[in-house]
Protein backbone atom coordinates (compact mmCIF):
# COMPACT_ATOMS: atom_id res chain seq x y z
CA MET A 1 -81.23 -39.63 105.59
CA GLY A 2 -84.25 -38.67 103.50
CA VAL A 3 -87.08 -41.02 102.68
CA VAL A 4 -86.99 -42.12 99.05
CA VAL A 5 -90.36 -41.89 97.34
CA PRO A 6 -90.96 -44.00 94.24
CA ILE A 7 -91.94 -41.38 91.68
CA GLY A 8 -92.30 -43.51 88.60
CA GLU A 9 -94.26 -46.35 87.12
CA ALA A 10 -92.79 -49.82 86.58
CA ARG A 11 -91.00 -48.67 83.43
CA ASP A 12 -87.29 -47.91 83.74
CA PRO A 13 -86.90 -44.16 83.06
CA SER A 14 -83.70 -44.81 81.09
CA GLN A 15 -85.79 -46.76 78.61
CA SER A 16 -88.13 -43.77 78.21
CA ILE A 17 -85.35 -41.55 76.91
CA LYS A 18 -83.65 -44.19 74.72
CA PRO A 19 -85.82 -43.50 71.62
CA LEU A 20 -84.89 -39.82 71.81
CA LEU A 21 -81.20 -40.62 72.25
CA ASP A 22 -81.32 -42.92 69.22
CA LEU A 23 -83.20 -40.33 67.16
CA VAL A 24 -80.71 -37.53 67.74
CA ALA A 25 -77.47 -39.50 68.07
CA THR A 26 -75.91 -38.49 64.75
CA ASP A 27 -76.85 -34.83 65.10
CA MET A 28 -75.71 -34.71 68.73
CA ALA A 29 -72.23 -35.77 67.67
CA GLY A 30 -72.10 -32.69 65.45
CA ILE A 31 -73.51 -30.52 68.22
CA ASN A 32 -70.89 -31.75 70.67
CA ARG A 33 -68.11 -30.92 68.21
CA LEU A 34 -69.55 -27.44 67.69
CA ILE A 35 -69.88 -26.87 71.44
CA LEU A 36 -66.22 -27.76 71.95
CA ASP A 37 -65.18 -25.51 69.07
CA LYS A 38 -67.19 -22.51 70.27
CA ALA A 39 -65.93 -22.85 73.85
CA ILE A 40 -62.40 -22.04 72.65
CA SER A 41 -60.94 -18.65 73.55
CA ASP A 42 -57.50 -17.05 73.68
CA VAL A 43 -58.37 -16.16 77.28
CA GLU A 44 -57.16 -19.33 79.00
CA LEU A 45 -59.63 -19.26 81.88
CA ILE A 46 -62.67 -19.30 79.60
CA PRO A 47 -62.24 -22.78 78.08
CA GLN A 48 -61.06 -24.19 81.42
CA LEU A 49 -64.13 -23.04 83.26
CA ALA A 50 -66.55 -23.71 80.40
CA HIS A 51 -65.32 -27.28 79.89
CA HIS A 52 -65.57 -27.96 83.62
CA LEU A 53 -69.35 -27.71 83.29
CA ILE A 54 -69.77 -28.78 79.65
CA ASP A 55 -67.93 -32.05 80.35
CA SER A 56 -69.66 -32.77 83.67
CA GLY A 57 -72.20 -35.26 82.38
CA GLY A 58 -75.39 -33.32 81.64
CA LYS A 59 -77.82 -35.10 79.33
CA ARG A 60 -78.21 -32.11 76.98
CA LEU A 61 -81.95 -32.63 76.97
CA ARG A 62 -82.78 -29.14 75.70
CA PRO A 63 -80.73 -29.33 72.48
CA MET A 64 -82.07 -32.84 71.94
CA LEU A 65 -85.58 -31.36 71.98
CA THR A 66 -84.54 -28.87 69.30
CA ILE A 67 -83.25 -31.68 67.09
CA ALA A 68 -86.30 -33.87 67.71
CA ALA A 69 -88.71 -31.02 66.94
CA ALA A 70 -86.88 -30.23 63.69
CA LYS A 71 -87.09 -33.87 62.67
CA LEU A 72 -90.75 -34.06 63.69
CA VAL A 73 -91.66 -31.29 61.22
CA GLY A 74 -89.50 -32.73 58.44
CA TYR A 75 -86.65 -30.21 58.42
CA ASP A 76 -83.92 -31.39 56.04
CA GLY A 77 -81.22 -28.73 56.44
CA ASP A 78 -78.34 -28.51 58.92
CA SER A 79 -78.96 -25.20 60.68
CA HIS A 80 -80.70 -27.03 63.53
CA ILE A 81 -77.22 -28.11 64.68
CA ARG A 82 -76.20 -24.51 65.41
CA VAL A 83 -79.55 -23.71 66.98
CA ALA A 84 -79.30 -26.71 69.29
CA ALA A 85 -75.71 -25.85 70.25
CA ALA A 86 -76.82 -22.29 71.02
CA VAL A 87 -79.59 -23.68 73.25
CA GLU A 88 -77.04 -25.73 75.19
CA PHE A 89 -74.75 -22.70 75.61
CA MET A 90 -77.69 -20.71 76.94
CA HIS A 91 -78.45 -23.48 79.41
CA THR A 92 -74.82 -23.75 80.52
CA ALA A 93 -74.67 -19.99 81.05
CA THR A 94 -77.74 -20.08 83.27
CA LEU A 95 -76.20 -22.88 85.36
CA LEU A 96 -73.07 -20.80 85.94
CA HIS A 97 -75.16 -17.80 86.93
CA ASP A 98 -77.52 -19.93 89.08
CA ASP A 99 -74.69 -21.34 91.15
CA VAL A 100 -73.45 -17.84 91.94
CA VAL A 101 -76.90 -16.57 92.88
CA ASP A 102 -77.69 -19.69 94.93
CA GLU A 103 -74.17 -19.86 96.44
CA SER A 104 -74.06 -23.54 95.43
CA ASP A 105 -70.97 -25.60 96.25
CA GLU A 106 -71.64 -28.48 93.83
CA ARG A 107 -73.04 -29.00 90.35
CA ARG A 108 -73.66 -32.51 88.95
CA GLY A 109 -71.60 -34.11 91.68
CA LYS A 110 -68.54 -31.90 91.10
CA LYS A 111 -67.34 -28.72 92.75
CA ALA A 112 -69.22 -25.76 91.29
CA ALA A 113 -67.17 -23.54 88.98
CA ARG A 114 -67.57 -20.65 91.40
CA ILE A 115 -65.81 -22.66 94.12
CA LEU A 116 -62.84 -23.38 91.83
CA TRP A 117 -62.55 -20.05 89.99
CA GLY A 118 -64.70 -17.60 91.95
CA ASN A 119 -68.02 -15.87 91.43
CA GLN A 120 -66.72 -13.17 89.11
CA ALA A 121 -65.17 -15.62 86.66
CA SER A 122 -68.30 -17.80 86.67
CA VAL A 123 -70.56 -14.87 85.83
CA LEU A 124 -68.27 -13.55 83.11
CA VAL A 125 -67.77 -16.94 81.45
CA GLY A 126 -71.54 -17.39 81.55
CA ASP A 127 -71.81 -14.09 79.71
CA PHE A 128 -69.23 -15.30 77.17
CA LEU A 129 -71.28 -18.44 76.50
CA LEU A 130 -74.44 -16.36 76.02
CA GLY A 131 -72.56 -14.21 73.54
CA GLN A 132 -71.37 -17.28 71.65
CA ALA A 133 -74.93 -18.62 71.59
CA PHE A 134 -76.23 -15.51 69.88
CA ARG A 135 -73.29 -15.45 67.48
CA MET A 136 -74.35 -18.91 66.33
CA LEU A 137 -77.97 -17.82 66.00
CA VAL A 138 -76.94 -14.83 63.87
CA ASP A 139 -75.00 -17.24 61.64
CA VAL A 140 -78.17 -19.30 61.21
CA GLY A 141 -79.92 -16.22 59.85
CA SER A 142 -83.44 -17.02 61.02
CA LEU A 143 -85.13 -14.00 62.58
CA ALA A 144 -87.90 -16.27 63.89
CA VAL A 145 -85.42 -18.45 65.80
CA LEU A 146 -83.50 -15.41 67.02
CA ARG A 147 -86.75 -13.88 68.28
CA ILE A 148 -87.77 -17.07 70.11
CA LEU A 149 -84.46 -17.63 71.87
CA SER A 150 -83.69 -13.97 72.63
CA ASN A 151 -87.11 -13.77 74.24
CA ALA A 152 -86.33 -16.93 76.21
CA ALA A 153 -83.07 -15.39 77.45
CA ALA A 154 -84.91 -12.31 78.72
CA VAL A 155 -87.64 -14.39 80.37
CA ILE A 156 -85.06 -16.61 82.09
CA ALA A 157 -83.37 -13.53 83.55
CA GLU A 158 -86.75 -12.29 84.77
CA GLY A 159 -87.32 -15.66 86.41
CA GLU A 160 -83.99 -15.42 88.21
CA VAL A 161 -84.93 -12.02 89.61
CA MET A 162 -88.38 -13.30 90.60
CA GLN A 163 -86.77 -16.21 92.43
CA LEU A 164 -84.37 -13.87 94.19
CA ALA A 165 -87.29 -11.74 95.37
CA ALA A 166 -89.09 -14.85 96.65
CA ALA A 167 -86.04 -16.28 98.44
CA LYS A 168 -86.88 -17.44 101.97
CA ASN A 169 -90.34 -15.90 101.62
CA LEU A 170 -92.90 -18.36 102.95
CA ALA A 171 -95.72 -16.09 101.83
CA THR A 172 -94.96 -17.22 98.26
CA THR A 173 -98.05 -18.87 96.76
CA GLU A 174 -98.17 -21.87 94.47
CA ASP A 175 -99.22 -19.60 91.59
CA GLU A 176 -96.27 -17.31 92.24
CA TYR A 177 -93.87 -20.22 92.37
CA LEU A 178 -95.23 -21.69 89.16
CA ALA A 179 -94.68 -18.31 87.51
CA ILE A 180 -91.04 -18.43 88.64
CA ILE A 181 -90.32 -21.88 87.23
CA ASP A 182 -92.32 -21.08 84.10
CA ALA A 183 -89.81 -18.31 83.45
CA LYS A 184 -86.65 -19.75 84.97
CA THR A 185 -86.86 -23.32 83.65
CA ALA A 186 -89.73 -23.79 81.21
CA ALA A 187 -88.82 -20.83 78.98
CA LEU A 188 -85.73 -22.57 77.59
CA PHE A 189 -87.52 -25.92 77.16
CA SER A 190 -90.22 -24.03 75.27
CA GLY A 191 -87.74 -22.07 73.16
CA ALA A 192 -85.73 -25.20 72.39
CA ALA A 193 -88.74 -27.07 71.04
CA GLU A 194 -90.34 -24.13 69.23
CA SER A 195 -87.09 -23.13 67.52
CA GLY A 196 -86.84 -26.64 66.07
CA GLY A 197 -90.06 -25.95 64.20
CA ALA A 198 -89.24 -22.33 63.41
CA ILE A 199 -86.02 -23.26 61.60
CA ALA A 200 -88.25 -25.14 59.16
CA ALA A 201 -90.64 -22.16 58.86
CA ARG A 202 -93.60 -24.28 59.93
CA PRO A 203 -97.14 -22.86 60.34
CA ILE A 204 -98.12 -21.10 63.56
CA GLU A 205 -100.32 -24.00 64.69
CA GLU A 206 -97.33 -26.33 64.74
CA LEU A 207 -95.06 -23.76 66.40
CA THR A 208 -97.69 -23.17 69.08
CA GLY A 209 -97.92 -26.91 69.70
CA LEU A 210 -94.17 -27.25 70.05
CA LYS A 211 -94.01 -24.21 72.33
CA SER A 212 -96.72 -25.63 74.59
CA TYR A 213 -95.05 -29.03 74.62
CA GLY A 214 -91.73 -27.56 75.71
CA ARG A 215 -93.23 -25.23 78.29
CA ASN A 216 -95.29 -27.87 80.04
CA LEU A 217 -92.48 -30.41 79.88
CA GLY A 218 -90.17 -27.84 81.48
CA ILE A 219 -92.59 -27.14 84.33
CA ALA A 220 -93.00 -30.88 84.94
CA PHE A 221 -89.22 -31.32 84.88
CA GLN A 222 -88.67 -28.62 87.52
CA LEU A 223 -91.46 -29.87 89.78
CA ILE A 224 -89.86 -33.30 89.82
CA ASP A 225 -86.54 -31.64 90.69
CA ASP A 226 -88.35 -30.00 93.61
CA ALA A 227 -89.64 -33.37 94.80
CA LEU A 228 -86.31 -35.16 94.30
CA ASP A 229 -84.50 -32.72 96.57
CA TYR A 230 -86.47 -34.20 99.45
CA ALA A 231 -87.27 -37.69 98.15
CA GLY A 232 -84.47 -38.65 95.80
CA ASP A 233 -81.33 -40.71 96.11
CA THR A 234 -78.02 -38.93 96.65
CA LYS A 235 -76.05 -41.35 94.46
CA ASN A 236 -78.38 -40.93 91.50
CA LEU A 237 -78.93 -37.21 91.96
CA GLY A 238 -75.25 -36.33 91.92
CA LYS A 239 -75.82 -33.98 94.84
CA GLU A 240 -76.83 -34.11 98.47
CA ILE A 241 -80.47 -34.50 99.37
CA GLY A 242 -81.80 -31.31 100.91
CA ASP A 243 -79.70 -28.77 99.01
CA ASP A 244 -82.79 -26.63 98.40
CA PHE A 245 -83.61 -26.91 102.11
CA ARG A 246 -80.18 -25.77 103.21
CA GLU A 247 -80.27 -22.87 100.73
CA GLY A 248 -83.66 -21.75 102.04
CA LYS A 249 -85.40 -22.22 98.68
CA VAL A 250 -89.15 -21.95 98.78
CA THR A 251 -90.10 -24.73 96.38
CA LEU A 252 -93.51 -26.33 95.95
CA PRO A 253 -93.06 -29.09 98.59
CA VAL A 254 -92.18 -26.37 101.13
CA ILE A 255 -95.09 -24.16 100.08
CA LEU A 256 -97.58 -27.02 100.42
CA ALA A 257 -96.23 -28.31 103.74
CA TYR A 258 -96.18 -24.80 105.19
CA ARG A 259 -99.70 -23.92 104.10
CA ARG A 260 -101.17 -27.27 105.15
CA GLY A 261 -99.40 -27.28 108.52
CA ASN A 262 -100.54 -26.08 111.92
CA ALA A 263 -99.17 -23.06 113.78
CA SER A 264 -96.34 -25.02 115.39
CA GLU A 265 -95.27 -26.47 112.05
CA ARG A 266 -95.33 -23.06 110.40
CA THR A 267 -93.08 -21.80 113.19
CA PHE A 268 -90.64 -24.59 112.32
CA TRP A 269 -90.68 -23.64 108.62
CA THR A 270 -90.11 -19.98 109.51
CA ARG A 271 -87.04 -20.89 111.58
CA VAL A 272 -85.40 -23.15 109.01
CA ILE A 273 -86.36 -21.40 105.77
CA SER A 274 -86.90 -17.72 106.52
CA GLU A 275 -84.33 -17.43 109.31
CA GLY A 276 -81.92 -20.09 108.04
CA ASP A 277 -81.53 -21.55 111.53
CA ILE A 278 -81.09 -25.23 110.63
CA GLN A 279 -80.25 -27.65 113.40
CA GLU A 280 -79.43 -31.36 113.47
CA GLY A 281 -82.44 -33.45 112.48
CA ASP A 282 -84.33 -30.56 110.87
CA LEU A 283 -84.09 -31.97 107.33
CA GLU A 284 -85.54 -35.28 108.47
CA HIS A 285 -88.32 -33.44 110.31
CA ALA A 286 -89.04 -31.34 107.22
CA ILE A 287 -89.32 -34.47 105.08
CA ALA A 288 -91.62 -36.09 107.64
CA LEU A 289 -93.89 -33.03 107.61
CA MET A 290 -93.96 -33.10 103.81
CA HIS A 291 -95.09 -36.71 103.86
CA GLN A 292 -97.61 -36.00 106.59
CA HIS A 293 -99.24 -33.38 104.40
CA ASP A 294 -98.70 -35.18 101.06
CA ALA A 295 -96.56 -32.26 99.84
CA ILE A 296 -94.10 -34.37 97.85
CA GLU A 297 -96.84 -36.59 96.46
CA THR A 298 -98.89 -33.54 95.43
CA THR A 299 -95.84 -32.01 93.73
CA ILE A 300 -95.39 -35.19 91.70
CA ALA A 301 -99.10 -35.21 90.84
CA ARG A 302 -98.81 -31.62 89.62
CA ALA A 303 -95.87 -32.64 87.45
CA ARG A 304 -97.87 -35.48 85.93
CA SER A 305 -100.66 -33.03 85.06
CA TYR A 306 -98.24 -30.78 83.20
CA GLY A 307 -96.81 -33.86 81.50
CA THR A 308 -100.28 -34.70 80.22
CA ILE A 309 -100.66 -31.19 78.81
CA ALA A 310 -97.28 -31.55 77.07
CA ARG A 311 -98.39 -34.83 75.52
CA ASP A 312 -101.67 -33.32 74.32
CA ALA A 313 -99.77 -30.42 72.72
CA LEU A 314 -98.26 -32.89 70.25
CA ALA A 315 -101.66 -34.24 69.19
CA ILE A 316 -101.74 -32.03 66.06
CA PHE A 317 -98.76 -33.91 64.62
CA ASN A 318 -99.12 -37.16 62.72
CA ASP A 319 -98.03 -40.30 64.54
CA CYS A 320 -94.38 -41.12 63.80
CA SER A 321 -91.23 -42.27 65.56
CA GLU A 322 -90.21 -38.66 66.25
CA LYS A 323 -93.51 -37.88 67.94
CA GLN A 324 -93.30 -41.09 69.99
CA ALA A 325 -89.78 -40.24 71.15
CA MET A 326 -90.92 -36.78 72.26
CA GLN A 327 -93.84 -38.32 74.14
CA ASP A 328 -91.57 -40.88 75.77
CA VAL A 329 -89.25 -38.20 77.10
CA ILE A 330 -92.17 -36.82 79.13
CA ALA A 331 -92.17 -40.11 81.04
CA PHE A 332 -88.42 -39.84 81.49
CA CYS A 333 -88.64 -36.34 82.97
CA ILE A 334 -91.35 -37.35 85.40
CA ASP A 335 -90.23 -40.85 86.32
CA ARG A 336 -86.47 -40.28 86.39
CA ALA A 337 -84.65 -41.24 89.54
CA HIS A 338 -81.78 -38.80 89.01
């Protein structure tokens, strides 16, 4: 069993996200209806596989950021619904592709789609969802939004390739890893927030603020995911502790423990990560080494720093309930226990 590290303050993380949930509740109902509608296809396998993941309990944080950003800048139309639904389809597509690349068996506590339907179907349905996302964006008719999210899609793909190249490579530096998660995870957070402002044709200063907010929130979010894989709770995570370890992923806790360790410890990391030779008790030993070298704690501290940058990025906006909700969600992403 892993050692659970308290990663939050006294505040219940679920309370941190409640203002955002309340803010977007009405719009999210419309988004959910649109998602269900656009997942329909005459090809029977497509809706089956798509709904397996769509209905699996994700919080839909990224589309919520799009809605919140649009409300923050005073947008009064309804095109943000399609933009947010497109963002969620993009995210769902990346999850399907990720599970194939990572050879994952589970996603959100359920069997991964690739286990049930195979790798080929998962990739192709992911492609279908990406196509549907861009159909919705074309319907919106905003070249600015289309530019932002098409760029995000390309950057995410680059991040996937970067991660593949870094797989099991213990020579990966912290800077290199941050570049990977900046592309793979933060790009869609950034695009989601920025597109909420772009749909309202807001000035560049506001778009830049929203882009920075989303980017830094996304990096913080992924760093906490890295820490939770070694210090979380299986019941709350919806997956087994140590999945990254078993898959040989070189995440920040591994990078820090490896670089701060002695020669014997680096030999251990080479065996379990680079060579994939994992024996009984190795996960517990890995976690112990991480604590010995403050690798998990440092990862959480890094996440908090990016969270502070995200908060500062919103400083150009007037104080309001929308701004407060977007600030509160930073605490949720960092202090969440799931």
